[in-house]
N, C-alpha and C. Protein backbone atom coordinates (compact mmCIF):
# COMPACT_ATOMS: atom_id res chain seq x y z
N UNK A 1 0.84 -1.17 0.00
CA UNK A 1 0.00 0.00 0.00
C UNK A 1 0.89 1.24 0.00
N UNK A 2 0.54 2.18 -0.82
CA UNK A 2 1.34 3.40 -0.95
C UNK A 2 1.14 4.32 0.25
N UNK A 3 2.14 5.16 0.50
CA UNK A 3 2.09 6.08 1.63
C UNK A 3 0.90 7.03 1.55
N UNK A 4 0.62 7.55 0.38
CA UNK A 4 -0.50 8.50 0.25
C UNK A 4 -1.83 7.81 0.54
N UNK A 5 -1.96 6.57 0.12
CA UNK A 5 -3.18 5.81 0.41
C UNK A 5 -3.34 5.64 1.91
N UNK A 6 -2.26 5.31 2.60
CA UNK A 6 -2.30 5.17 4.06
C UNK A 6 -2.68 6.49 4.73
N UNK A 7 -2.13 7.58 4.24
CA UNK A 7 -2.44 8.89 4.82
C UNK A 7 -3.92 9.22 4.65
N UNK A 8 -4.46 8.92 3.49
CA UNK A 8 -5.87 9.19 3.24
C UNK A 8 -6.74 8.36 4.18
N UNK A 9 -6.44 7.08 4.29
CA UNK A 9 -7.24 6.21 5.16
C UNK A 9 -7.11 6.64 6.62
N UNK A 10 -5.91 6.98 7.06
CA UNK A 10 -5.73 7.43 8.44
C UNK A 10 -6.49 8.72 8.71
N UNK A 11 -6.51 9.62 7.75
CA UNK A 11 -7.26 10.87 7.89
C UNK A 11 -8.75 10.58 7.98
N UNK A 12 -9.24 9.73 7.11
CA UNK A 12 -10.66 9.37 7.14
C UNK A 12 -11.02 8.66 8.44
N UNK A 13 -10.15 7.77 8.89
CA UNK A 13 -10.39 7.03 10.12
C UNK A 13 -10.45 7.98 11.32
N UNK A 14 -9.54 8.91 11.38
CA UNK A 14 -9.51 9.89 12.48
C UNK A 14 -10.82 10.70 12.50
N UNK A 15 -11.23 11.17 11.35
CA UNK A 15 -12.48 11.94 11.27
C UNK A 15 -13.68 11.07 11.62
N UNK A 16 -13.68 9.84 11.13
CA UNK A 16 -14.76 8.92 11.43
C UNK A 16 -14.86 8.68 12.94
N UNK A 17 -13.75 8.42 13.58
CA UNK A 17 -13.75 8.16 15.02
C UNK A 17 -14.22 9.37 15.82
N UNK A 18 -13.95 10.55 15.32
CA UNK A 18 -14.37 11.77 16.04
C UNK A 18 -15.88 11.99 15.96
N UNK A 19 -16.55 11.33 15.02
CA UNK A 19 -18.00 11.51 14.88
C UNK A 19 -18.79 10.68 15.87
N UNK A 20 -18.20 9.59 16.34
CA UNK A 20 -18.92 8.68 17.21
C UNK A 20 -19.92 7.80 16.46
N UNK A 21 -19.91 7.90 15.15
CA UNK A 21 -20.81 7.13 14.29
C UNK A 21 -20.31 5.68 14.21
N UNK A 22 -21.23 4.75 14.04
CA UNK A 22 -20.82 3.36 13.87
C UNK A 22 -20.48 3.10 12.41
N UNK A 23 -19.69 2.07 12.18
CA UNK A 23 -19.34 1.68 10.82
C UNK A 23 -20.60 1.30 10.05
N UNK A 24 -21.54 0.68 10.74
CA UNK A 24 -22.80 0.28 10.10
C UNK A 24 -23.58 1.51 9.63
N UNK A 25 -23.62 2.55 10.47
CA UNK A 25 -24.33 3.78 10.10
C UNK A 25 -23.68 4.46 8.91
N UNK A 26 -22.35 4.59 8.94
CA UNK A 26 -21.65 5.21 7.82
C UNK A 26 -21.87 4.41 6.54
N UNK A 27 -21.77 3.11 6.64
CA UNK A 27 -21.96 2.25 5.48
C UNK A 27 -23.37 2.42 4.89
N UNK A 28 -24.36 2.48 5.76
CA UNK A 28 -25.73 2.65 5.30
C UNK A 28 -25.91 3.98 4.57
N UNK A 29 -25.32 5.03 5.11
CA UNK A 29 -25.43 6.35 4.51
C UNK A 29 -24.81 6.39 3.11
N UNK A 30 -23.67 5.74 2.96
CA UNK A 30 -22.98 5.81 1.66
C UNK A 30 -23.34 4.67 0.72
N UNK A 31 -24.14 3.73 1.20
CA UNK A 31 -24.62 2.66 0.33
C UNK A 31 -23.65 1.51 0.12
N UNK A 32 -22.98 1.11 1.18
CA UNK A 32 -22.07 -0.04 1.09
C UNK A 32 -22.25 -0.88 2.35
N UNK A 33 -21.48 -1.93 2.48
CA UNK A 33 -21.58 -2.78 3.66
C UNK A 33 -20.67 -2.27 4.78
N UNK A 34 -21.05 -2.58 6.01
CA UNK A 34 -20.20 -2.17 7.13
C UNK A 34 -18.87 -2.90 7.08
N UNK A 35 -18.85 -4.07 6.47
CA UNK A 35 -17.61 -4.83 6.32
C UNK A 35 -16.61 -4.05 5.47
N UNK A 36 -17.08 -3.42 4.41
CA UNK A 36 -16.21 -2.61 3.55
C UNK A 36 -15.58 -1.48 4.36
N UNK A 37 -16.38 -0.83 5.17
CA UNK A 37 -15.89 0.29 5.98
C UNK A 37 -14.88 -0.19 7.02
N UNK A 38 -15.21 -1.23 7.76
CA UNK A 38 -14.30 -1.70 8.81
C UNK A 38 -13.00 -2.27 8.23
N UNK A 39 -13.09 -2.94 7.10
CA UNK A 39 -11.87 -3.48 6.48
C UNK A 39 -10.98 -2.36 5.95
N UNK A 40 -11.58 -1.28 5.47
CA UNK A 40 -10.78 -0.16 5.01
C UNK A 40 -10.04 0.48 6.18
N UNK A 41 -10.76 0.73 7.27
CA UNK A 41 -10.14 1.39 8.42
C UNK A 41 -9.13 0.51 9.15
N UNK A 42 -9.17 -0.79 8.91
CA UNK A 42 -8.17 -1.68 9.51
C UNK A 42 -7.09 -2.08 8.50
N UNK A 43 -7.10 -1.44 7.33
CA UNK A 43 -6.12 -1.67 6.26
C UNK A 43 -6.14 -3.09 5.71
N UNK A 44 -7.26 -3.79 5.87
CA UNK A 44 -7.37 -5.14 5.31
C UNK A 44 -7.71 -5.10 3.82
N UNK A 45 -8.42 -4.06 3.42
CA UNK A 45 -8.87 -3.97 2.03
C UNK A 45 -9.05 -2.50 1.67
N UNK A 46 -8.69 -2.14 0.48
CA UNK A 46 -8.90 -0.78 0.00
C UNK A 46 -10.06 -0.82 -1.00
N UNK A 47 -11.16 -0.14 -0.67
CA UNK A 47 -12.30 -0.15 -1.58
C UNK A 47 -12.01 0.70 -2.82
N UNK A 48 -12.92 0.64 -3.77
CA UNK A 48 -12.72 1.44 -4.97
C UNK A 48 -12.82 2.93 -4.64
N UNK A 49 -12.36 3.73 -5.55
CA UNK A 49 -12.30 5.17 -5.34
C UNK A 49 -13.66 5.78 -5.04
N UNK A 50 -14.69 5.26 -5.65
CA UNK A 50 -16.05 5.77 -5.43
C UNK A 50 -16.42 5.71 -3.94
N UNK A 51 -16.12 4.61 -3.29
CA UNK A 51 -16.43 4.45 -1.87
C UNK A 51 -15.59 5.41 -1.03
N UNK A 52 -14.32 5.53 -1.35
CA UNK A 52 -13.44 6.45 -0.61
C UNK A 52 -13.94 7.88 -0.72
N UNK A 53 -14.35 8.26 -1.91
CA UNK A 53 -14.87 9.62 -2.13
C UNK A 53 -16.17 9.83 -1.36
N UNK A 54 -17.05 8.86 -1.36
CA UNK A 54 -18.30 8.97 -0.61
C UNK A 54 -18.04 9.11 0.89
N UNK A 55 -17.10 8.34 1.41
CA UNK A 55 -16.75 8.44 2.83
C UNK A 55 -16.18 9.81 3.13
N UNK A 56 -15.26 10.27 2.29
CA UNK A 56 -14.66 11.59 2.49
C UNK A 56 -15.72 12.68 2.46
N UNK A 57 -16.64 12.59 1.53
CA UNK A 57 -17.71 13.58 1.43
C UNK A 57 -18.57 13.58 2.69
N UNK A 58 -18.95 12.40 3.15
CA UNK A 58 -19.79 12.28 4.34
C UNK A 58 -19.08 12.83 5.58
N UNK A 59 -17.76 12.67 5.63
CA UNK A 59 -16.99 13.12 6.79
C UNK A 59 -16.41 14.53 6.60
N UNK A 60 -16.75 15.16 5.49
CA UNK A 60 -16.26 16.51 5.18
C UNK A 60 -14.74 16.59 5.13
N UNK A 61 -14.14 15.60 4.48
CA UNK A 61 -12.69 15.56 4.31
C UNK A 61 -12.37 15.90 2.85
N UNK A 62 -11.54 16.90 2.65
CA UNK A 62 -11.08 17.27 1.31
C UNK A 62 -9.87 16.41 0.97
N UNK A 63 -10.06 15.44 0.10
CA UNK A 63 -8.99 14.49 -0.23
C UNK A 63 -7.78 15.19 -0.86
N UNK A 64 -8.00 16.33 -1.48
CA UNK A 64 -6.89 17.05 -2.12
C UNK A 64 -5.99 17.73 -1.09
N UNK A 65 -6.47 17.86 0.13
CA UNK A 65 -5.68 18.53 1.18
C UNK A 65 -5.00 17.56 2.12
N UNK A 66 -5.17 16.27 1.90
CA UNK A 66 -4.53 15.27 2.76
C UNK A 66 -3.05 15.22 2.39
N UNK A 67 -2.22 15.43 3.38
CA UNK A 67 -0.77 15.42 3.14
C UNK A 67 -0.10 14.38 3.99
């Protein structure tokens, strides 16, 4: 996994954890399974870009500003 990919996931995970939302709730909102969300945040699997963008949008994370 590339460094930038890790940085993006870590940023999304940090924002997700600060919301207090469950993985199931986030998954339902963005239209995917909670397994997809939990596996992404544990670095087991990287979902397609569409899912990453939907998560970022829901969490108000600007992917272009992740450094």
